[in-house]
Amino acid sequence: MQGFASQQLVGREMEVQSVLADLRSAQLSGALLVAEAGMGKSALANVVVRELEHEMPVFRIHASSALTGIPFGALAPLLPVLSAEDTDSPLAVMRALLGRVRPTAERSTDVAPLLVVDDAHALDEASADLLSQLMASGRVRMLVLTRSITEIPAGIPAQVWSGAISRHQLQPLTESQVHDLCTQVLGGPVLSTSSAELAMRSGGNPMFVLALVAETRRTGVLTERHGV
């Protein structure tokens, strides 16, 4: 059984189009996607990135709780080797980051790069403040993925409250959408009573649906009979 990110996205068509519209909007600086673990934030972001990567440069930032206490730790993969003095200077770090995501030849264009920030609730404060400033200045766009907006350092939520960033809350899949996901994963017709049970037990969380399908297939609780 492969993971949800490897499956075709199910039940998120409206959310994908809404996020795409906001990231293309001249009136907005980005979009915030909020959902608990397993709801498909990363899968949705992957679809959005595939659609936009031919329109704008895309860079990924993966925040981690292991780096939360390290200033600019989340941005390290996008930064050149900096001196100790430069790492203590937000301005020097900003220049270095812009040099990576907006090379000199591209700074005169109107297309701002898109920064996709995964697990933004684990951002260190220095990275969050710098990203917020760059977004407010219009030099970058951002797609921010988080479990909770209240856990992100203050700079980015302030952009949401001001209306500079749109906010999208992923809801659990409906019973019908869980049925479609089960049909896709199992490669054939599925009894509606079976998918309804999986929907109820998973709470509509796609990751839990996949885990339950894999486990019930392994134990023989979910079986195939006459092609169903």
C-alpha atoms as a PDB file:
ATOM      1  CA  MET A   1       0.000   0.000   0.000  1.00  0.00           C
ATOM      2  CA  GLN A   2       1.474   3.315  -1.054  1.00  0.00           C
ATOM      3  CA  GLY A   3       0.925   6.567   0.799  1.00  0.00           C
ATOM      4  CA  PHE A   4      -1.679   9.217   0.145  1.00  0.00           C
ATOM      5  CA  ALA A   5       0.829  11.545  -1.511  1.00  0.00           C
ATOM      6  CA  SER A   6       1.404   8.911  -4.218  1.00  0.00           C
ATOM      7  CA  GLN A   7      -2.316   8.638  -5.004  1.00  0.00           C
ATOM      8  CA  GLN A   8      -4.323  10.946  -7.200  1.00  0.00           C
ATOM      9  CA  LEU A   9      -5.756  13.667  -4.995  1.00  0.00           C
ATOM     10  CA  VAL A  10      -9.370  12.919  -4.092  1.00  0.00           C
ATOM     11  CA  GLY A  11     -12.006  15.385  -2.931  1.00  0.00           C
ATOM     12  CA  ARG A  12      -9.822  18.503  -2.957  1.00  0.00           C
ATOM     13  CA  GLU A  13     -10.562  19.952  -6.401  1.00  0.00           C
ATOM     14  CA  MET A  14     -12.205  23.122  -5.079  1.00  0.00           C
ATOM     15  CA  GLU A  15      -9.420  23.732  -2.562  1.00  0.00           C
ATOM     16  CA  VAL A  16      -6.741  23.290  -5.238  1.00  0.00           C
ATOM     17  CA  GLN A  17      -8.390  25.804  -7.546  1.00  0.00           C
ATOM     18  CA  SER A  18      -8.933  28.277  -4.703  1.00  0.00           C
ATOM     19  CA  VAL A  19      -5.286  28.114  -3.583  1.00  0.00           C
ATOM     20  CA  LEU A  20      -4.083  28.452  -7.184  1.00  0.00           C
ATOM     21  CA  ALA A  21      -6.240  31.523  -7.696  1.00  0.00           C
ATOM     22  CA  ASP A  22      -4.913  33.146  -4.528  1.00  0.00           C
ATOM     23  CA  LEU A  23      -1.269  32.430  -5.374  1.00  0.00           C
ATOM     24  CA  ARG A  24      -1.778  33.982  -8.809  1.00  0.00           C
ATOM     25  CA  SER A  25      -3.635  37.006  -7.422  1.00  0.00           C
ATOM     26  CA  ALA A  26      -1.947  40.396  -7.605  1.00  0.00           C
ATOM     27  CA  GLN A  27      -3.847  41.413  -4.464  1.00  0.00           C
ATOM     28  CA  LEU A  28      -2.447  38.639  -2.248  1.00  0.00           C
ATOM     29  CA  SER A  29       1.025  37.635  -1.102  1.00  0.00           C
ATOM     30  CA  GLY A  30       0.271  33.984  -0.488  1.00  0.00           C
ATOM     31  CA  ALA A  31      -1.976  31.349   1.007  1.00  0.00           C
ATOM     32  CA  LEU A  32      -2.102  29.520   4.339  1.00  0.00           C
ATOM     33  CA  LEU A  33      -3.304  25.912   4.430  1.00  0.00           C
ATOM     34  CA  VAL A  34      -4.385  24.638   7.855  1.00  0.00           C
ATOM     35  CA  ALA A  35      -5.178  21.020   8.709  1.00  0.00           C
ATOM     36  CA  GLU A  36      -4.264  18.309  11.175  1.00  0.00           C
ATOM     37  CA  ALA A  37      -1.720  15.644  10.243  1.00  0.00           C
ATOM     38  CA  GLY A  38      -2.833  13.240   7.531  1.00  0.00           C
ATOM     39  CA  MET A  39      -5.420  15.511   5.937  1.00  0.00           C
ATOM     40  CA  GLY A  40      -3.424  15.913   2.739  1.00  0.00           C
ATOM     41  CA  LYS A  41      -1.778  19.342   3.037  1.00  0.00           C
ATOM     42  CA  SER A  42       1.422  18.165   1.367  1.00  0.00           C
ATOM     43  CA  ALA A  43      -0.459  16.248  -1.328  1.00  0.00           C
ATOM     44  CA  LEU A  44      -2.479  19.349  -2.168  1.00  0.00           C
ATOM     45  CA  ALA A  45       0.676  21.482  -2.180  1.00  0.00           C
ATOM     46  CA  ASN A  46       2.299  19.032  -4.615  1.00  0.00           C
ATOM     47  CA  VAL A  47      -0.597  19.456  -7.043  1.00  0.00           C
ATOM     48  CA  VAL A  48      -0.402  23.247  -6.733  1.00  0.00           C
ATOM     49  CA  VAL A  49       3.370  23.238  -7.285  1.00  0.00           C
ATOM     50  CA  ARG A  50       3.080  21.073 -10.406  1.00  0.00           C
ATOM     51  CA  GLU A  51       0.608  23.601 -11.790  1.00  0.00           C
ATOM     52  CA  LEU A  52       2.670  26.690 -10.922  1.00  0.00           C
ATOM     53  CA  GLU A  53       6.269  25.587 -11.438  1.00  0.00           C
ATOM     54  CA  HIS A  54       6.125  26.626 -15.104  1.00  0.00           C
ATOM     55  CA  GLU A  55       4.872  30.083 -14.138  1.00  0.00           C
ATOM     56  CA  MET A  56       7.227  30.981 -11.285  1.00  0.00           C
ATOM     57  CA  PRO A  57      10.338  29.659  -9.512  1.00  0.00           C
ATOM     58  CA  VAL A  58       9.398  27.356  -6.626  1.00  0.00           C
ATOM     59  CA  PHE A  59      11.484  26.669  -3.514  1.00  0.00           C
ATOM     60  CA  ARG A  60      10.615  24.389  -0.606  1.00  0.00           C
ATOM     61  CA  ILE A  61      11.313  25.056   3.059  1.00  0.00           C
ATOM     62  CA  HIS A  62      10.845  22.210   5.534  1.00  0.00           C
ATOM     63  CA  ALA A  63      10.593  23.398   9.117  1.00  0.00           C
ATOM     64  CA  SER A  64      11.450  20.959  11.891  1.00  0.00           C
ATOM     65  CA  SER A  65      11.019  20.886  15.640  1.00  0.00           C
ATOM     66  CA  ALA A  66      14.725  19.926  15.821  1.00  0.00           C
ATOM     67  CA  LEU A  67      15.608  23.337  14.344  1.00  0.00           C
ATOM     68  CA  THR A  68      13.080  25.488  16.195  1.00  0.00           C
ATOM     69  CA  GLY A  69      15.716  26.863  18.579  1.00  0.00           C
ATOM     70  CA  ILE A  70      18.254  27.635  15.849  1.00  0.00           C
ATOM     71  CA  PRO A  71      17.927  31.112  14.268  1.00  0.00           C
ATOM     72  CA  PHE A  72      17.299  30.759  10.517  1.00  0.00           C
ATOM     73  CA  GLY A  73      17.660  26.986  10.866  1.00  0.00           C
ATOM     74  CA  ALA A  74      14.711  26.302   8.549  1.00  0.00           C
ATOM     75  CA  LEU A  75      16.284  28.453   5.825  1.00  0.00           C
ATOM     76  CA  ALA A  76      19.728  26.805   5.972  1.00  0.00           C
ATOM     77  CA  PRO A  77      19.280  24.646   2.822  1.00  0.00           C
ATOM     78  CA  LEU A  78      18.630  27.819   0.786  1.00  0.00           C
ATOM     79  CA  LEU A  79      21.518  29.808   2.244  1.00  0.00           C
ATOM     80  CA  PRO A  80      25.177  29.789   1.207  1.00  0.00           C
ATOM     81  CA  VAL A  81      27.837  29.263   3.851  1.00  0.00           C
ATOM     82  CA  LEU A  82      27.713  32.426   5.960  1.00  0.00           C
ATOM     83  CA  SER A  83      30.192  33.751   8.459  1.00  0.00           C
ATOM     84  CA  ALA A  84      29.250  33.761  12.137  1.00  0.00           C
ATOM     85  CA  GLU A  85      28.884  37.524  11.915  1.00  0.00           C
ATOM     86  CA  ASP A  86      26.496  37.264   8.956  1.00  0.00           C
ATOM     87  CA  THR A  87      24.321  34.622  10.623  1.00  0.00           C
ATOM     88  CA  ASP A  88      23.731  37.108  13.436  1.00  0.00           C
ATOM     89  CA  SER A  89      22.557  39.737  10.932  1.00  0.00           C
ATOM     90  CA  PRO A  90      18.970  39.407   9.635  1.00  0.00           C
ATOM     91  CA  LEU A  91      19.867  41.815   6.808  1.00  0.00           C
ATOM     92  CA  ALA A  92      22.810  39.654   5.686  1.00  0.00           C
ATOM     93  CA  VAL A  93      20.633  36.533   5.807  1.00  0.00           C
ATOM     94  CA  MET A  94      17.895  38.309   3.838  1.00  0.00           C
ATOM     95  CA  ARG A  95      20.353  39.317   1.128  1.00  0.00           C
ATOM     96  CA  ALA A  96      21.735  35.783   0.950  1.00  0.00           C
ATOM     97  CA  LEU A  97      18.266  34.258   0.693  1.00  0.00           C
ATOM     98  CA  LEU A  98      17.186  36.712  -2.012  1.00  0.00           C
ATOM     99  CA  GLY A  99      20.378  35.944  -3.889  1.00  0.00           C
ATOM    100  CA  ARG A 100      19.289  32.295  -3.935  1.00  0.00           C
ATOM    101  CA  VAL A 101      15.608  32.635  -4.774  1.00  0.00           C
ATOM    102  CA  ARG A 102      15.813  35.825  -6.857  1.00  0.00           C
ATOM    103  CA  PRO A 103      19.133  35.929  -8.731  1.00  0.00           C
ATOM    104  CA  THR A 104      20.175  39.337 -10.080  1.00  0.00           C
ATOM    105  CA  ALA A 105      18.992  38.509 -13.593  1.00  0.00           C
ATOM    106  CA  GLU A 106      15.486  37.762 -12.322  1.00  0.00           C
ATOM    107  CA  ARG A 107      14.974  40.623  -9.880  1.00  0.00           C
ATOM    108  CA  SER A 108      13.720  42.967 -12.575  1.00  0.00           C
ATOM    109  CA  THR A 109      10.884  40.603 -13.546  1.00  0.00           C
ATOM    110  CA  ASP A 110       7.378  40.844 -12.144  1.00  0.00           C
ATOM    111  CA  VAL A 111       7.211  37.167 -11.200  1.00  0.00           C
ATOM    112  CA  ALA A 112       8.014  36.640  -7.517  1.00  0.00           C
ATOM    113  CA  PRO A 113       9.262  33.178  -6.518  1.00  0.00           C
ATOM    114  CA  LEU A 114       6.967  30.899  -4.555  1.00  0.00           C
ATOM    115  CA  LEU A 115       8.243  29.587  -1.225  1.00  0.00           C
ATOM    116  CA  VAL A 116       6.395  26.497   0.012  1.00  0.00           C
ATOM    117  CA  VAL A 117       6.804  26.252   3.788  1.00  0.00           C
ATOM    118  CA  ASP A 118       5.890  22.851   5.207  1.00  0.00           C
ATOM    119  CA  ASP A 119       5.220  22.356   8.944  1.00  0.00           C
ATOM    120  CA  ALA A 120       5.281  26.113   9.517  1.00  0.00           C
ATOM    121  CA  HIS A 121       4.214  25.523  13.145  1.00  0.00           C
ATOM    122  CA  ALA A 122       7.824  24.345  13.687  1.00  0.00           C
ATOM    123  CA  LEU A 123       9.476  27.461  12.198  1.00  0.00           C
ATOM    124  CA  ASP A 124      12.067  29.239  14.285  1.00  0.00           C
ATOM    125  CA  GLU A 125      11.115  32.848  15.025  1.00  0.00           C
ATOM    126  CA  ALA A 126      13.989  34.351  13.031  1.00  0.00           C
ATOM    127  CA  SER A 127      13.006  32.466   9.869  1.00  0.00           C
ATOM    128  CA  ALA A 128       9.325  33.304  10.326  1.00  0.00           C
ATOM    129  CA  ASP A 129      10.055  37.019  10.802  1.00  0.00           C
ATOM    130  CA  LEU A 130      12.315  37.152   7.740  1.00  0.00           C
ATOM    131  CA  LEU A 131       9.826  35.302   5.542  1.00  0.00           C
ATOM    132  CA  SER A 132       7.046  37.570   6.738  1.00  0.00           C
ATOM    133  CA  GLN A 133       9.073  40.672   5.823  1.00  0.00           C
ATOM    134  CA  LEU A 134       9.909  39.327   2.362  1.00  0.00           C
ATOM    135  CA  MET A 135       6.277  38.458   1.767  1.00  0.00           C
ATOM    136  CA  ALA A 136       5.064  41.869   2.937  1.00  0.00           C
ATOM    137  CA  SER A 137       7.550  43.535   0.578  1.00  0.00           C
ATOM    138  CA  GLY A 138       6.222  41.566  -2.389  1.00  0.00           C
ATOM    139  CA  ARG A 139       9.587  39.971  -3.144  1.00  0.00           C
ATOM    140  CA  VAL A 140       8.281  36.447  -2.578  1.00  0.00           C
ATOM    141  CA  ARG A 141       4.973  34.604  -2.490  1.00  0.00           C
ATOM    142  CA  MET A 142       4.336  31.886   0.054  1.00  0.00           C
ATOM    143  CA  LEU A 143       2.253  28.752   0.427  1.00  0.00           C
ATOM    144  CA  VAL A 144       2.307  27.998   4.153  1.00  0.00           C
ATOM    145  CA  LEU A 145       1.280  24.580   5.492  1.00  0.00           C
ATOM    146  CA  THR A 146       0.564  24.179   9.198  1.00  0.00           C
ATOM    147  CA  ARG A 147      -1.394  22.174  11.752  1.00  0.00           C
ATOM    148  CA  SER A 148      -2.429  25.318  13.605  1.00  0.00           C
ATOM    149  CA  ILE A 149      -2.150  29.011  12.842  1.00  0.00           C
ATOM    150  CA  THR A 150      -1.751  29.812  16.542  1.00  0.00           C
ATOM    151  CA  GLU A 151       1.490  27.795  16.708  1.00  0.00           C
ATOM    152  CA  ILE A 152       3.263  29.804  13.981  1.00  0.00           C
ATOM    153  CA  PRO A 153       5.526  32.662  15.150  1.00  0.00           C
ATOM    154  CA  ALA A 154       3.626  35.946  15.088  1.00  0.00           C
ATOM    155  CA  GLY A 155       4.908  37.478  11.828  1.00  0.00           C
ATOM    156  CA  ILE A 156       3.096  35.148   9.442  1.00  0.00           C
ATOM    157  CA  PRO A 157      -0.278  35.054  11.266  1.00  0.00           C
ATOM    158  CA  ALA A 158      -0.195  38.864  11.244  1.00  0.00           C
ATOM    159  CA  GLN A 159      -0.151  38.700   7.435  1.00  0.00           C
ATOM    160  CA  VAL A 160      -3.260  36.516   7.571  1.00  0.00           C
ATOM    161  CA  TRP A 161      -5.130  38.850   9.928  1.00  0.00           C
ATOM    162  CA  SER A 162      -4.245  41.826   7.705  1.00  0.00           C
ATOM    163  CA  GLY A 163      -5.674  40.072   4.651  1.00  0.00           C
ATOM    164  CA  ALA A 164      -2.359  39.832   2.805  1.00  0.00           C
ATOM    165  CA  ILE A 165      -2.551  36.012   2.882  1.00  0.00           C
ATOM    166  CA  SER A 166      -5.656  33.927   2.317  1.00  0.00           C
ATOM    167  CA  ARG A 167      -6.530  31.159   4.760  1.00  0.00           C
ATOM    168  CA  HIS A 168      -7.795  27.703   3.786  1.00  0.00           C
ATOM    169  CA  GLN A 169      -8.946  25.061   6.277  1.00  0.00           C
ATOM    170  CA  LEU A 170      -8.952  21.492   4.982  1.00  0.00           C
ATOM    171  CA  GLN A 171     -12.052  19.617   6.106  1.00  0.00           C
ATOM    172  CA  PRO A 172     -12.340  15.820   6.511  1.00  0.00           C
ATOM    173  CA  LEU A 173     -13.354  13.882   3.421  1.00  0.00           C
ATOM    174  CA  THR A 174     -17.050  13.194   3.084  1.00  0.00           C
ATOM    175  CA  GLU A 175     -18.403   9.640   3.004  1.00  0.00           C
ATOM    176  CA  SER A 176     -18.689   9.897  -0.785  1.00  0.00           C
ATOM    177  CA  GLN A 177     -15.099  11.122  -1.103  1.00  0.00           C
ATOM    178  CA  VAL A 178     -13.834   8.303   1.123  1.00  0.00           C
ATOM    179  CA  HIS A 179     -15.680   5.892  -1.184  1.00  0.00           C
ATOM    180  CA  ASP A 180     -13.896   7.411  -4.205  1.00  0.00           C
ATOM    181  CA  LEU A 181     -10.529   7.123  -2.426  1.00  0.00           C
ATOM    182  CA  CYS A 182     -11.160   3.464  -1.535  1.00  0.00           C
ATOM    183  CA  THR A 183     -12.184   2.704  -5.121  1.00  0.00           C
ATOM    184  CA  GLN A 184      -8.996   4.308  -6.404  1.00  0.00           C
ATOM    185  CA  VAL A 185      -6.697   2.578  -3.915  1.00  0.00           C
ATOM    186  CA  LEU A 186      -8.271  -0.874  -4.300  1.00  0.00           C
ATOM    187  CA  GLY A 187      -8.549  -0.599  -8.075  1.00  0.00           C
ATOM    188  CA  GLY A 188     -12.176  -1.624  -8.437  1.00  0.00           C
ATOM    189  CA  PRO A 189     -15.742  -1.425  -7.087  1.00  0.00           C
ATOM    190  CA  VAL A 190     -16.156  -1.167  -3.324  1.00  0.00           C
ATOM    191  CA  LEU A 191     -19.319  -1.843  -1.351  1.00  0.00           C
ATOM    192  CA  SER A 192     -20.722   1.424  -0.033  1.00  0.00           C
ATOM    193  CA  THR A 193     -21.243  -0.210   3.376  1.00  0.00           C
ATOM    194  CA  SER A 194     -17.503  -0.982   3.547  1.00  0.00           C
ATOM    195  CA  SER A 195     -16.406   2.528   2.547  1.00  0.00           C
ATOM    196  CA  ALA A 196     -18.974   4.041   4.928  1.00  0.00           C
ATOM    197  CA  GLU A 197     -17.478   2.021   7.803  1.00  0.00           C
ATOM    198  CA  LEU A 198     -13.985   3.197   6.840  1.00  0.00           C
ATOM    199  CA  ALA A 199     -15.225   6.793   6.644  1.00  0.00           C
ATOM    200  CA  MET A 200     -16.741   6.552  10.098  1.00  0.00           C
ATOM    201  CA  ARG A 201     -13.704   4.934  11.708  1.00  0.00           C
ATOM    202  CA  SER A 202     -11.192   7.276  10.041  1.00  0.00           C
ATOM    203  CA  GLY A 203     -13.137  10.465  10.684  1.00  0.00           C
ATOM    204  CA  GLY A 204     -12.567  11.345   7.020  1.00  0.00           C
ATOM    205  CA  ASN A 205      -8.796  11.689   7.504  1.00  0.00           C
ATOM    206  CA  PRO A 206      -7.204  10.409   4.241  1.00  0.00           C
ATOM    207  CA  MET A 207      -4.086   9.064   5.958  1.00  0.00           C
ATOM    208  CA  PHE A 208      -6.224   7.083   8.409  1.00  0.00           C
ATOM    209  CA  VAL A 209      -8.373   5.771   5.525  1.00  0.00           C
ATOM    210  CA  LEU A 210      -5.268   4.419   3.786  1.00  0.00           C
ATOM    211  CA  ALA A 211      -3.947   2.907   7.000  1.00  0.00           C
ATOM    212  CA  LEU A 212      -7.278   1.194   7.688  1.00  0.00           C
ATOM    213  CA  VAL A 213      -7.524  -0.124   4.130  1.00  0.00           C
ATOM    214  CA  ALA A 214      -3.997  -1.550   4.354  1.00  0.00           C
ATOM    215  CA  GLU A 215      -4.613  -3.141   7.767  1.00  0.00           C
ATOM    216  CA  THR A 216      -8.019  -4.632   6.931  1.00  0.00           C
ATOM    217  CA  ARG A 217      -6.611  -6.066   3.699  1.00  0.00           C
ATOM    218  CA  ARG A 218      -3.658  -7.553   5.600  1.00  0.00           C
ATOM    219  CA  THR A 219      -5.857  -9.191   8.221  1.00  0.00           C
ATOM    220  CA  GLY A 220      -8.445 -10.410   5.732  1.00  0.00           C
ATOM    221  CA  VAL A 221     -11.278  -8.320   7.184  1.00  0.00           C
ATOM    222  CA  LEU A 222     -11.569  -6.507   3.845  1.00  0.00           C
ATOM    223  CA  THR A 223     -11.646  -9.050   1.025  1.00  0.00           C
ATOM    224  CA  GLU A 224     -12.441  -9.210  -2.695  1.00  0.00           C
ATOM    225  CA  ARG A 225     -15.341 -11.343  -3.884  1.00  0.00           C
ATOM    226  CA  HIS A 226     -16.570 -11.534  -7.492  1.00  0.00           C
ATOM    227  CA  GLY A 227     -14.514  -8.492  -8.448  1.00  0.00           C
ATOM    228  CA  VAL A 228     -15.899  -6.334  -5.621  1.00  0.00           C
END
